[in-house]
Amino acid sequence: MARLTLTINGRARPVDVDADTPLLYVLRDTLEMDNPRFGCGLGQCGACTVLLDNRAVRSCSIPVSRAATGRIVTIDGLASAGRPHPV
């Protein structure tokens, strides 16, 4: 297990997980976030897409240890002033 701090939607979130766990599972299962969504689990459908340092990545295909050094933005983080983003 690794103690990591993820910056998600501008907020620091500490997690204690296996460093090889896919980011998607940490976001949904460990942090109980509704977004991103699980789709194919193979990085093909795009349902799990997040921004990692302003670059779109499939969160089902990236280990949480690789994402721990960057800024993660989910679809919820794109909202402004309480208004959802059109995406």
Protein backbone atom coordinates (compact mmCIF):
# COMPACT_ATOMS: atom_id res chain seq x y z
CA MET A 1 0.00 0.00 0.00
CA ALA A 2 1.10 3.51 -0.73
CA ARG A 3 0.03 6.74 0.93
CA LEU A 4 -0.57 9.21 -1.90
CA THR A 5 -2.15 12.64 -2.12
CA LEU A 6 -4.16 13.30 -5.26
CA THR A 7 -5.12 16.80 -6.34
CA ILE A 8 -8.63 16.39 -7.74
CA ASN A 9 -10.65 19.36 -8.94
CA GLY A 10 -8.32 21.66 -6.99
CA ARG A 11 -8.63 19.78 -3.70
CA ALA A 12 -5.98 17.58 -2.05
CA ARG A 13 -7.32 14.09 -1.32
CA PRO A 14 -5.11 11.61 0.60
CA VAL A 15 -5.51 7.92 -0.25
CA ASP A 16 -3.91 4.74 0.99
CA VAL A 17 -4.00 2.30 -1.95
CA ASP A 18 -1.84 -0.02 -3.98
CA ALA A 19 0.27 2.19 -6.29
CA ASP A 20 -0.67 0.07 -9.33
CA THR A 21 -4.43 0.48 -8.84
CA PRO A 22 -6.06 2.15 -11.84
CA LEU A 23 -6.94 5.79 -11.16
CA LEU A 24 -10.57 5.09 -12.08
CA TYR A 25 -10.97 2.59 -9.23
CA VAL A 26 -9.45 4.99 -6.72
CA LEU A 27 -11.76 7.82 -7.83
CA ARG A 28 -14.92 5.69 -7.81
CA ASP A 29 -14.32 3.07 -5.12
CA THR A 30 -11.92 4.66 -2.64
CA LEU A 31 -13.07 8.29 -2.93
CA GLU A 32 -16.69 7.40 -3.82
CA MET A 33 -16.90 9.89 -6.69
CA ASP A 34 -19.71 9.58 -9.26
CA ASN A 35 -17.50 10.77 -12.10
CA PRO A 36 -15.70 9.54 -14.10
CA ARG A 37 -17.81 6.61 -15.22
CA PHE A 38 -16.78 3.02 -15.83
CA GLY A 39 -17.26 1.95 -19.44
CA CYS A 40 -15.23 -0.73 -21.18
CA GLY A 41 -12.30 -0.95 -18.75
CA LEU A 42 -9.91 -1.08 -21.71
CA GLY A 43 -9.35 2.64 -22.37
CA GLN A 44 -11.29 2.53 -25.63
CA CYS A 45 -14.73 4.01 -24.95
CA GLY A 46 -13.70 7.23 -23.16
CA ALA A 47 -16.30 7.09 -20.37
CA CYS A 48 -13.53 7.28 -17.77
CA THR A 49 -11.69 10.24 -19.30
CA VAL A 50 -10.23 12.84 -16.93
CA LEU A 51 -7.79 15.67 -17.44
CA LEU A 52 -4.35 15.05 -15.99
CA ASP A 53 -2.31 18.23 -16.15
CA ASN A 54 -4.70 19.52 -18.85
CA ARG A 55 -4.25 16.39 -20.98
CA ALA A 56 -7.11 13.95 -21.55
CA VAL A 57 -6.28 10.47 -20.25
CA ARG A 58 -8.31 7.31 -19.72
CA SER A 59 -8.38 6.81 -15.95
CA CYS A 60 -8.97 3.05 -16.30
CA SER A 61 -5.57 2.70 -18.00
CA ILE A 62 -3.34 4.82 -15.77
CA PRO A 63 -1.98 3.72 -12.38
CA VAL A 64 -2.80 6.03 -9.51
CA SER A 65 0.93 6.43 -8.76
CA ARG A 66 1.43 8.12 -12.14
CA ALA A 67 -1.44 10.53 -11.50
CA ALA A 68 -0.34 11.43 -7.97
CA THR A 69 2.17 14.03 -9.15
CA GLY A 70 -0.32 15.90 -11.35
CA ARG A 71 -3.57 17.82 -11.23
CA ILE A 72 -6.66 15.75 -11.97
CA VAL A 73 -9.86 17.35 -13.23
CA THR A 74 -13.04 15.33 -13.60
CA ILE A 75 -16.19 16.45 -15.41
CA ASP A 76 -17.42 17.82 -12.07
CA GLY A 77 -14.35 20.04 -11.88
CA LEU A 78 -15.22 21.72 -15.17
CA ALA A 79 -18.31 23.37 -13.65
CA SER A 80 -18.14 27.06 -12.82
CA ALA A 81 -20.24 29.06 -10.37
CA GLY A 82 -22.41 26.03 -9.71
CA ARG A 83 -23.31 25.62 -13.38
CA PRO A 84 -22.41 22.33 -15.05
CA HIS A 85 -20.10 22.38 -18.02
CA PRO A 86 -21.84 21.64 -21.34
CA VAL A 87 -19.67 18.57 -21.83
